[in-house]
Amino acid sequence: MRAHRSIVLLLCALLGAGLALGCGSEAAPAAAALPVAHVEDGPHDAAVLEMGELGQIRIELLPELAPQTVARFVERSRAGLYDGTTFHRVIPGFMIQGGNPLTLDKDPRNDARDTEDPTVPDEFTDYPQVRGTVSFANTGARNSGKVQFFILQQDQRQLDGHYTAFGHVVEGMDVVDAITALEIDRYGRYGPPDRPYPVDARIEHVRIESADGKVLAPLGANG
């Protein structure tokens, strides 16, 4: 999560004091200080990730939790900027991470590098980091989320308040599970560690559907 950095450093936390993804110099707020997550009843807009033969992942978007993060994700989705990117970091039993535009080129060595995209302010709440929660990746420092996101395969409540949760999977967790079952280059022999190889987990297209089921029109290449 530097954009892969904090996920990388998550592994050190796995071996040490629990699973703390944010290994930056600034501490995340204590759980008791987090704003309460108020999720409204009724249908929400959704993002549908088309994963080719693997199927689809449908994410219910929750702008009442993280309006700026949802706006960034929707804008990039409608502009086609997630199309063709991959879930380049996959850790079974934990999460799948994707959305980096650098995965679009033919050089796997940069798949986990950070980009020059503008950051989004942290929008932390006490929304639980559990199986199916979708959050923006960050470097561990304050207000460092940009474009990458991750989907939790299993509950990770120690991440509460460290990452901006902006949605949850309502259909397609079987696809998430299938991605974690792909062959993975754990040691970085052909790119960054934990990248699916030789078969990638490519997001062919992301469409945004309004709460009433209408597909929102694509934006121009520049949003």
C-alpha atoms as a PDB file:
ATOM      1  CA  MET A   1       0.000   0.000   0.000  1.00  0.00           C
ATOM      2  CA  ARG A   2       2.698   2.424  -0.702  1.00  0.00           C
ATOM      3  CA  ALA A   3       0.694   2.041  -2.367  1.00  0.00           C
ATOM      4  CA  HIS A   4       1.961  -1.455  -1.579  1.00  0.00           C
ATOM      5  CA  ARG A   5       4.257  -0.307   1.209  1.00  0.00           C
ATOM      6  CA  SER A   6       1.869  -0.586   4.109  1.00  0.00           C
ATOM      7  CA  ILE A   7       0.668  -4.003   2.931  1.00  0.00           C
ATOM      8  CA  VAL A   8       4.292  -5.083   2.661  1.00  0.00           C
ATOM      9  CA  LEU A   9       4.916  -3.864   6.153  1.00  0.00           C
ATOM     10  CA  LEU A  10       1.805  -5.646   7.237  1.00  0.00           C
ATOM     11  CA  LEU A  11       3.821  -8.840   6.953  1.00  0.00           C
ATOM     12  CA  CYS A  12       6.250  -7.612   9.570  1.00  0.00           C
ATOM     13  CA  ALA A  13       3.255  -6.941  11.788  1.00  0.00           C
ATOM     14  CA  LEU A  14       2.014 -10.456  11.214  1.00  0.00           C
ATOM     15  CA  LEU A  15       5.256 -11.683  12.731  1.00  0.00           C
ATOM     16  CA  GLY A  16       5.199  -9.192  15.541  1.00  0.00           C
ATOM     17  CA  ALA A  17       2.632  -7.122  17.346  1.00  0.00           C
ATOM     18  CA  GLY A  18      -0.454  -8.155  15.437  1.00  0.00           C
ATOM     19  CA  LEU A  19      -1.559  -7.060  12.010  1.00  0.00           C
ATOM     20  CA  ALA A  20      -0.930  -3.298  11.824  1.00  0.00           C
ATOM     21  CA  LEU A  21      -0.870  -2.218   8.195  1.00  0.00           C
ATOM     22  CA  GLY A  22      -0.093   1.375   8.949  1.00  0.00           C
ATOM     23  CA  CYS A  23       3.612   1.285   9.775  1.00  0.00           C
ATOM     24  CA  GLY A  24       4.089   4.998   9.109  1.00  0.00           C
ATOM     25  CA  SER A  25       5.368   7.525  11.589  1.00  0.00           C
ATOM     26  CA  GLU A  26       1.920   8.892  12.467  1.00  0.00           C
ATOM     27  CA  ALA A  27      -0.383   6.826  14.625  1.00  0.00           C
ATOM     28  CA  ALA A  28      -3.970   6.200  13.578  1.00  0.00           C
ATOM     29  CA  PRO A  29      -6.680   7.340  16.002  1.00  0.00           C
ATOM     30  CA  ALA A  30      -7.661   4.996  18.777  1.00  0.00           C
ATOM     31  CA  ALA A  31     -10.804   2.995  18.110  1.00  0.00           C
ATOM     32  CA  ALA A  32     -12.689   4.797  20.883  1.00  0.00           C
ATOM     33  CA  ALA A  33     -12.118   8.147  19.110  1.00  0.00           C
ATOM     34  CA  LEU A  34     -13.432   7.044  15.726  1.00  0.00           C
ATOM     35  CA  PRO A  35     -16.610   8.618  14.356  1.00  0.00           C
ATOM     36  CA  VAL A  36     -19.576   6.288  14.474  1.00  0.00           C
ATOM     37  CA  ALA A  37     -20.373   4.734  11.098  1.00  0.00           C
ATOM     38  CA  HIS A  38     -23.948   5.576  10.132  1.00  0.00           C
ATOM     39  CA  VAL A  39     -25.011   3.445   7.161  1.00  0.00           C
ATOM     40  CA  GLU A  40     -28.306   4.532   5.663  1.00  0.00           C
ATOM     41  CA  ASP A  41     -31.088   2.059   4.918  1.00  0.00           C
ATOM     42  CA  GLY A  42     -32.211   1.413   1.399  1.00  0.00           C
ATOM     43  CA  PRO A  43     -30.325   0.795  -1.845  1.00  0.00           C
ATOM     44  CA  HIS A  44     -27.030   2.475  -2.639  1.00  0.00           C
ATOM     45  CA  ASP A  45     -25.092   3.016  -5.821  1.00  0.00           C
ATOM     46  CA  ALA A  46     -22.884   0.066  -6.681  1.00  0.00           C
ATOM     47  CA  ALA A  47     -19.632  -0.643  -8.487  1.00  0.00           C
ATOM     48  CA  VAL A  48     -19.509  -3.845 -10.519  1.00  0.00           C
ATOM     49  CA  LEU A  49     -16.034  -5.206 -11.225  1.00  0.00           C
ATOM     50  CA  GLU A  50     -16.072  -7.470 -14.256  1.00  0.00           C
ATOM     51  CA  MET A  51     -13.322 -10.053 -13.804  1.00  0.00           C
ATOM     52  CA  GLY A  52     -13.647 -12.021 -17.024  1.00  0.00           C
ATOM     53  CA  GLU A  53     -13.955 -15.770 -16.555  1.00  0.00           C
ATOM     54  CA  LEU A  54     -13.679 -15.361 -12.788  1.00  0.00           C
ATOM     55  CA  GLY A  55     -17.047 -13.565 -12.652  1.00  0.00           C
ATOM     56  CA  GLN A  56     -18.132 -10.271 -11.108  1.00  0.00           C
ATOM     57  CA  ILE A  57     -17.630  -8.510  -7.800  1.00  0.00           C
ATOM     58  CA  ARG A  58     -20.468  -6.172  -6.816  1.00  0.00           C
ATOM     59  CA  ILE A  59     -19.567  -3.500  -4.266  1.00  0.00           C
ATOM     60  CA  GLU A  60     -22.211  -1.450  -2.473  1.00  0.00           C
ATOM     61  CA  LEU A  61     -20.810   2.070  -2.158  1.00  0.00           C
ATOM     62  CA  LEU A  62     -21.329   3.932   1.119  1.00  0.00           C
ATOM     63  CA  PRO A  63     -20.794   7.670   0.578  1.00  0.00           C
ATOM     64  CA  GLU A  64     -22.283   8.446   3.978  1.00  0.00           C
ATOM     65  CA  LEU A  65     -19.105   6.891   5.425  1.00  0.00           C
ATOM     66  CA  ALA A  66     -16.546   8.380   3.062  1.00  0.00           C
ATOM     67  CA  PRO A  67     -17.960  10.875   0.549  1.00  0.00           C
ATOM     68  CA  GLN A  68     -14.622  12.029  -0.874  1.00  0.00           C
ATOM     69  CA  THR A  69     -13.261   8.502  -1.203  1.00  0.00           C
ATOM     70  CA  VAL A  70     -16.408   7.261  -2.924  1.00  0.00           C
ATOM     71  CA  ALA A  71     -16.315  10.273  -5.256  1.00  0.00           C
ATOM     72  CA  ARG A  72     -12.695   9.494  -6.220  1.00  0.00           C
ATOM     73  CA  PHE A  73     -13.493   5.815  -6.815  1.00  0.00           C
ATOM     74  CA  VAL A  74     -16.607   6.574  -8.865  1.00  0.00           C
ATOM     75  CA  GLU A  75     -14.868   9.248 -10.928  1.00  0.00           C
ATOM     76  CA  ARG A  76     -11.994   6.927 -11.815  1.00  0.00           C
ATOM     77  CA  SER A  77     -14.367   4.067 -12.547  1.00  0.00           C
ATOM     78  CA  ARG A  78     -16.548   6.149 -14.873  1.00  0.00           C
ATOM     79  CA  ALA A  79     -13.436   7.446 -16.633  1.00  0.00           C
ATOM     80  CA  GLY A  80     -12.315   3.862 -17.271  1.00  0.00           C
ATOM     81  CA  LEU A  81      -9.138   4.307 -15.236  1.00  0.00           C
ATOM     82  CA  TYR A  82      -9.544   1.013 -13.393  1.00  0.00           C
ATOM     83  CA  ASP A  83     -10.250  -0.927 -16.587  1.00  0.00           C
ATOM     84  CA  GLY A  84      -7.407  -3.315 -17.354  1.00  0.00           C
ATOM     85  CA  THR A  85      -5.697  -2.931 -13.975  1.00  0.00           C
ATOM     86  CA  THR A  86      -5.054  -5.986 -11.842  1.00  0.00           C
ATOM     87  CA  PHE A  87      -5.258  -7.175  -8.288  1.00  0.00           C
ATOM     88  CA  HIS A  88      -1.486  -7.138  -8.068  1.00  0.00           C
ATOM     89  CA  ARG A  89      -1.150  -8.069  -4.390  1.00  0.00           C
ATOM     90  CA  VAL A  90      -3.015 -11.087  -3.084  1.00  0.00           C
ATOM     91  CA  ILE A  91      -2.537 -12.582   0.378  1.00  0.00           C
ATOM     92  CA  PRO A  92      -4.837 -15.573   1.012  1.00  0.00           C
ATOM     93  CA  GLY A  93      -6.659 -15.321   4.316  1.00  0.00           C
ATOM     94  CA  PHE A  94      -6.196 -11.570   4.331  1.00  0.00           C
ATOM     95  CA  MET A  95      -7.005  -9.426   1.263  1.00  0.00           C
ATOM     96  CA  ILE A  96      -6.714  -8.651  -2.443  1.00  0.00           C
ATOM     97  CA  GLN A  97      -5.337  -5.232  -3.465  1.00  0.00           C
ATOM     98  CA  GLY A  98      -5.653  -3.552  -6.847  1.00  0.00           C
ATOM     99  CA  GLY A  99      -6.413  -0.442  -8.844  1.00  0.00           C
ATOM    100  CA  ASN A 100      -2.858   0.694  -9.573  1.00  0.00           C
ATOM    101  CA  PRO A 101      -2.647   2.201 -13.094  1.00  0.00           C
ATOM    102  CA  LEU A 102       0.983   1.077 -13.288  1.00  0.00           C
ATOM    103  CA  THR A 103      -0.282  -2.490 -13.752  1.00  0.00           C
ATOM    104  CA  LEU A 104      -1.457  -1.470 -17.211  1.00  0.00           C
ATOM    105  CA  ASP A 105       2.035  -1.499 -18.709  1.00  0.00           C
ATOM    106  CA  LYS A 106       4.138  -4.522 -19.601  1.00  0.00           C
ATOM    107  CA  ASP A 107       6.635  -4.086 -16.768  1.00  0.00           C
ATOM    108  CA  PRO A 108       5.552  -6.118 -13.721  1.00  0.00           C
ATOM    109  CA  ARG A 109       8.326  -4.640 -11.598  1.00  0.00           C
ATOM    110  CA  ASN A 110       6.409  -1.403 -11.040  1.00  0.00           C
ATOM    111  CA  ASP A 111       3.031  -2.992 -10.283  1.00  0.00           C
ATOM    112  CA  ALA A 112       3.187  -2.106  -6.598  1.00  0.00           C
ATOM    113  CA  ARG A 113       4.807   1.316  -6.834  1.00  0.00           C
ATOM    114  CA  ASP A 114       3.070   4.468  -5.701  1.00  0.00           C
ATOM    115  CA  THR A 115       1.739   6.919  -8.284  1.00  0.00           C
ATOM    116  CA  GLU A 116       1.625  10.699  -8.565  1.00  0.00           C
ATOM    117  CA  ASP A 117      -2.161  10.849  -8.223  1.00  0.00           C
ATOM    118  CA  PRO A 118      -3.547  13.406  -5.744  1.00  0.00           C
ATOM    119  CA  THR A 119      -4.320  12.116  -2.282  1.00  0.00           C
ATOM    120  CA  VAL A 120      -7.730  11.828  -0.633  1.00  0.00           C
ATOM    121  CA  PRO A 121      -8.223  12.912   3.000  1.00  0.00           C
ATOM    122  CA  ASP A 122      -8.668  10.126   5.531  1.00  0.00           C
ATOM    123  CA  GLU A 123     -12.331   9.431   6.300  1.00  0.00           C
ATOM    124  CA  PHE A 124     -11.955   6.942   9.124  1.00  0.00           C
ATOM    125  CA  THR A 125     -15.001   5.591  10.963  1.00  0.00           C
ATOM    126  CA  ASP A 126     -15.681   2.616  13.182  1.00  0.00           C
ATOM    127  CA  TYR A 127     -17.114   0.685  10.230  1.00  0.00           C
ATOM    128  CA  PRO A 128     -15.704  -2.820  10.796  1.00  0.00           C
ATOM    129  CA  GLN A 129     -12.841  -4.167   8.717  1.00  0.00           C
ATOM    130  CA  VAL A 130     -14.356  -7.588   8.116  1.00  0.00           C
ATOM    131  CA  ARG A 131     -14.756 -10.043   5.248  1.00  0.00           C
ATOM    132  CA  GLY A 132     -16.039  -8.120   2.237  1.00  0.00           C
ATOM    133  CA  THR A 133     -15.156  -4.616   3.456  1.00  0.00           C
ATOM    134  CA  VAL A 134     -13.626  -2.450   0.715  1.00  0.00           C
ATOM    135  CA  SER A 135     -11.141   0.264   1.716  1.00  0.00           C
ATOM    136  CA  PHE A 136      -8.639   2.622   0.137  1.00  0.00           C
ATOM    137  CA  ALA A 137      -4.995   1.671   0.515  1.00  0.00           C
ATOM    138  CA  ASN A 138      -2.570   4.140   2.067  1.00  0.00           C
ATOM    139  CA  THR A 139       1.103   4.409   2.977  1.00  0.00           C
ATOM    140  CA  GLY A 140       0.563   4.410   6.726  1.00  0.00           C
ATOM    141  CA  ALA A 141       0.883   8.198   6.877  1.00  0.00           C
ATOM    142  CA  ARG A 142      -2.063  10.544   7.307  1.00  0.00           C
ATOM    143  CA  ASN A 143      -4.144  11.439   4.243  1.00  0.00           C
ATOM    144  CA  SER A 144      -2.079   9.292   1.874  1.00  0.00           C
ATOM    145  CA  GLY A 145      -4.803   7.298   0.079  1.00  0.00           C
ATOM    146  CA  LYS A 146      -4.852   7.821  -3.688  1.00  0.00           C
ATOM    147  CA  VAL A 147      -6.385   5.269  -6.059  1.00  0.00           C
ATOM    148  CA  GLN A 148      -5.574   1.754  -4.891  1.00  0.00           C
ATOM    149  CA  PHE A 149      -8.107  -0.225  -2.892  1.00  0.00           C
ATOM    150  CA  PHE A 150      -8.352  -3.585  -1.177  1.00  0.00           C
ATOM    151  CA  ILE A 151     -11.061  -6.108  -0.368  1.00  0.00           C
ATOM    152  CA  LEU A 152     -10.746  -8.135   2.811  1.00  0.00           C
ATOM    153  CA  GLN A 153     -11.127 -11.880   2.443  1.00  0.00           C
ATOM    154  CA  GLN A 154     -11.256 -12.430   6.208  1.00  0.00           C
ATOM    155  CA  ASP A 155     -12.064 -10.311   9.261  1.00  0.00           C
ATOM    156  CA  GLN A 156      -9.204  -7.998  10.285  1.00  0.00           C
ATOM    157  CA  ARG A 157     -10.610  -5.841  13.080  1.00  0.00           C
ATOM    158  CA  GLN A 158      -7.131  -4.618  14.038  1.00  0.00           C
ATOM    159  CA  LEU A 159      -7.322  -2.488  10.887  1.00  0.00           C
ATOM    160  CA  ASP A 160     -10.339  -0.519  12.146  1.00  0.00           C
ATOM    161  CA  GLY A 161      -9.534   3.189  12.007  1.00  0.00           C
ATOM    162  CA  HIS A 162      -6.390   2.752   9.912  1.00  0.00           C
ATOM    163  CA  TYR A 163      -7.972   2.636   6.446  1.00  0.00           C
ATOM    164  CA  THR A 164     -10.946   4.417   4.913  1.00  0.00           C
ATOM    165  CA  ALA A 165     -13.767   1.918   4.419  1.00  0.00           C
ATOM    166  CA  PHE A 166     -16.047   3.051   1.598  1.00  0.00           C
ATOM    167  CA  GLY A 167     -18.103   0.005   0.656  1.00  0.00           C
ATOM    168  CA  HIS A 168     -18.656  -3.703   1.009  1.00  0.00           C
ATOM    169  CA  VAL A 169     -19.067  -6.642  -1.322  1.00  0.00           C
ATOM    170  CA  VAL A 170     -22.695  -7.736  -1.681  1.00  0.00           C
ATOM    171  CA  GLU A 171     -22.108 -10.266  -4.485  1.00  0.00           C
ATOM    172  CA  GLY A 172     -18.969 -12.014  -5.627  1.00  0.00           C
ATOM    173  CA  MET A 173     -17.038 -12.987  -2.521  1.00  0.00           C
ATOM    174  CA  ASP A 174     -16.649 -16.337  -4.267  1.00  0.00           C
ATOM    175  CA  VAL A 175     -14.694 -14.418  -6.912  1.00  0.00           C
ATOM    176  CA  VAL A 176     -12.496 -12.863  -4.204  1.00  0.00           C
ATOM    177  CA  ASP A 177     -11.894 -16.366  -2.859  1.00  0.00           C
ATOM    178  CA  ALA A 178     -11.068 -17.590  -6.366  1.00  0.00           C
ATOM    179  CA  ILE A 179      -8.489 -14.813  -6.768  1.00  0.00           C
ATOM    180  CA  THR A 180      -6.776 -15.865  -3.553  1.00  0.00           C
ATOM    181  CA  ALA A 181      -6.646 -19.424  -4.926  1.00  0.00           C
ATOM    182  CA  LEU A 182      -4.627 -18.382  -8.008  1.00  0.00           C
ATOM    183  CA  GLU A 183      -0.972 -19.297  -8.210  1.00  0.00           C
ATOM    184  CA  ILE A 184       0.933 -16.473  -6.523  1.00  0.00           C
ATOM    185  CA  ASP A 185       4.564 -15.410  -6.851  1.00  0.00           C
ATOM    186  CA  ARG A 186       5.117 -14.972  -3.129  1.00  0.00           C
ATOM    187  CA  TYR A 187       8.828 -14.191  -3.364  1.00  0.00           C
ATOM    188  CA  GLY A 188       8.825 -11.588  -6.139  1.00  0.00           C
ATOM    189  CA  ARG A 189      10.695 -13.606  -8.754  1.00  0.00           C
ATOM    190  CA  TYR A 190       8.671 -12.078 -11.602  1.00  0.00           C
ATOM    191  CA  GLY A 191       7.598  -8.748 -10.112  1.00  0.00           C
ATOM    192  CA  PRO A 192       6.547  -7.536  -6.661  1.00  0.00           C
ATOM    193  CA  PRO A 193       5.908 -10.202  -4.004  1.00  0.00           C
ATOM    194  CA  ASP A 194       2.423 -11.694  -3.707  1.00  0.00           C
ATOM    195  CA  ARG A 195       1.446 -10.991  -7.322  1.00  0.00           C
ATOM    196  CA  PRO A 196      -0.724 -13.607  -9.068  1.00  0.00           C
ATOM    197  CA  TYR A 197       1.491 -15.273 -11.676  1.00  0.00           C
ATOM    198  CA  PRO A 198       1.449 -16.554 -14.399  1.00  0.00           C
ATOM    199  CA  VAL A 199      -2.313 -15.866 -14.592  1.00  0.00           C
ATOM    200  CA  ASP A 200      -3.222 -12.375 -13.411  1.00  0.00           C
ATOM    201  CA  ALA A 201      -6.415 -11.163 -11.749  1.00  0.00           C
ATOM    202  CA  ARG A 202      -7.389  -8.462 -14.225  1.00  0.00           C
ATOM    203  CA  ILE A 203     -10.305  -6.067 -13.828  1.00  0.00           C
ATOM    204  CA  GLU A 204     -11.681  -5.959 -17.355  1.00  0.00           C
ATOM    205  CA  HIS A 205     -14.195  -3.199 -16.658  1.00  0.00           C
ATOM    206  CA  VAL A 206     -15.822  -1.328 -13.792  1.00  0.00           C
ATOM    207  CA  ARG A 207     -19.324   0.029 -14.212  1.00  0.00           C
ATOM    208  CA  ILE A 208     -21.197   2.203 -11.749  1.00  0.00           C
ATOM    209  CA  GLU A 209     -24.900   1.549 -11.234  1.00  0.00           C
ATOM    210  CA  SER A 210     -27.221   3.979  -9.506  1.00  0.00           C
ATOM    211  CA  ALA A 211     -29.450   2.840  -6.668  1.00  0.00           C
ATOM    212  CA  ASP A 212     -32.307   2.330  -9.137  1.00  0.00           C
ATOM    213  CA  GLY A 213     -30.198   0.034 -11.329  1.00  0.00           C
ATOM    214  CA  LYS A 214     -29.260   2.464 -14.105  1.00  0.00           C
ATOM    215  CA  VAL A 215     -25.709   2.347 -15.430  1.00  0.00           C
ATOM    216  CA  LEU A 216     -24.023   5.751 -15.102  1.00  0.00           C
ATOM    217  CA  ALA A 217     -22.577   7.034 -18.356  1.00  0.00           C
ATOM    218  CA  PRO A 218     -18.776   6.898 -18.783  1.00  0.00           C
ATOM    219  CA  LEU A 219     -16.798  10.086 -18.328  1.00  0.00           C
ATOM    220  CA  GLY A 220     -14.195  11.396 -20.749  1.00  0.00           C
ATOM    221  CA  ALA A 221     -10.636  10.182 -20.372  1.00  0.00           C
ATOM    222  CA  ASN A 222      -9.806  13.204 -18.231  1.00  0.00           C
ATOM    223  CA  GLY A 223     -12.843  12.780 -15.969  1.00  0.00           C
END
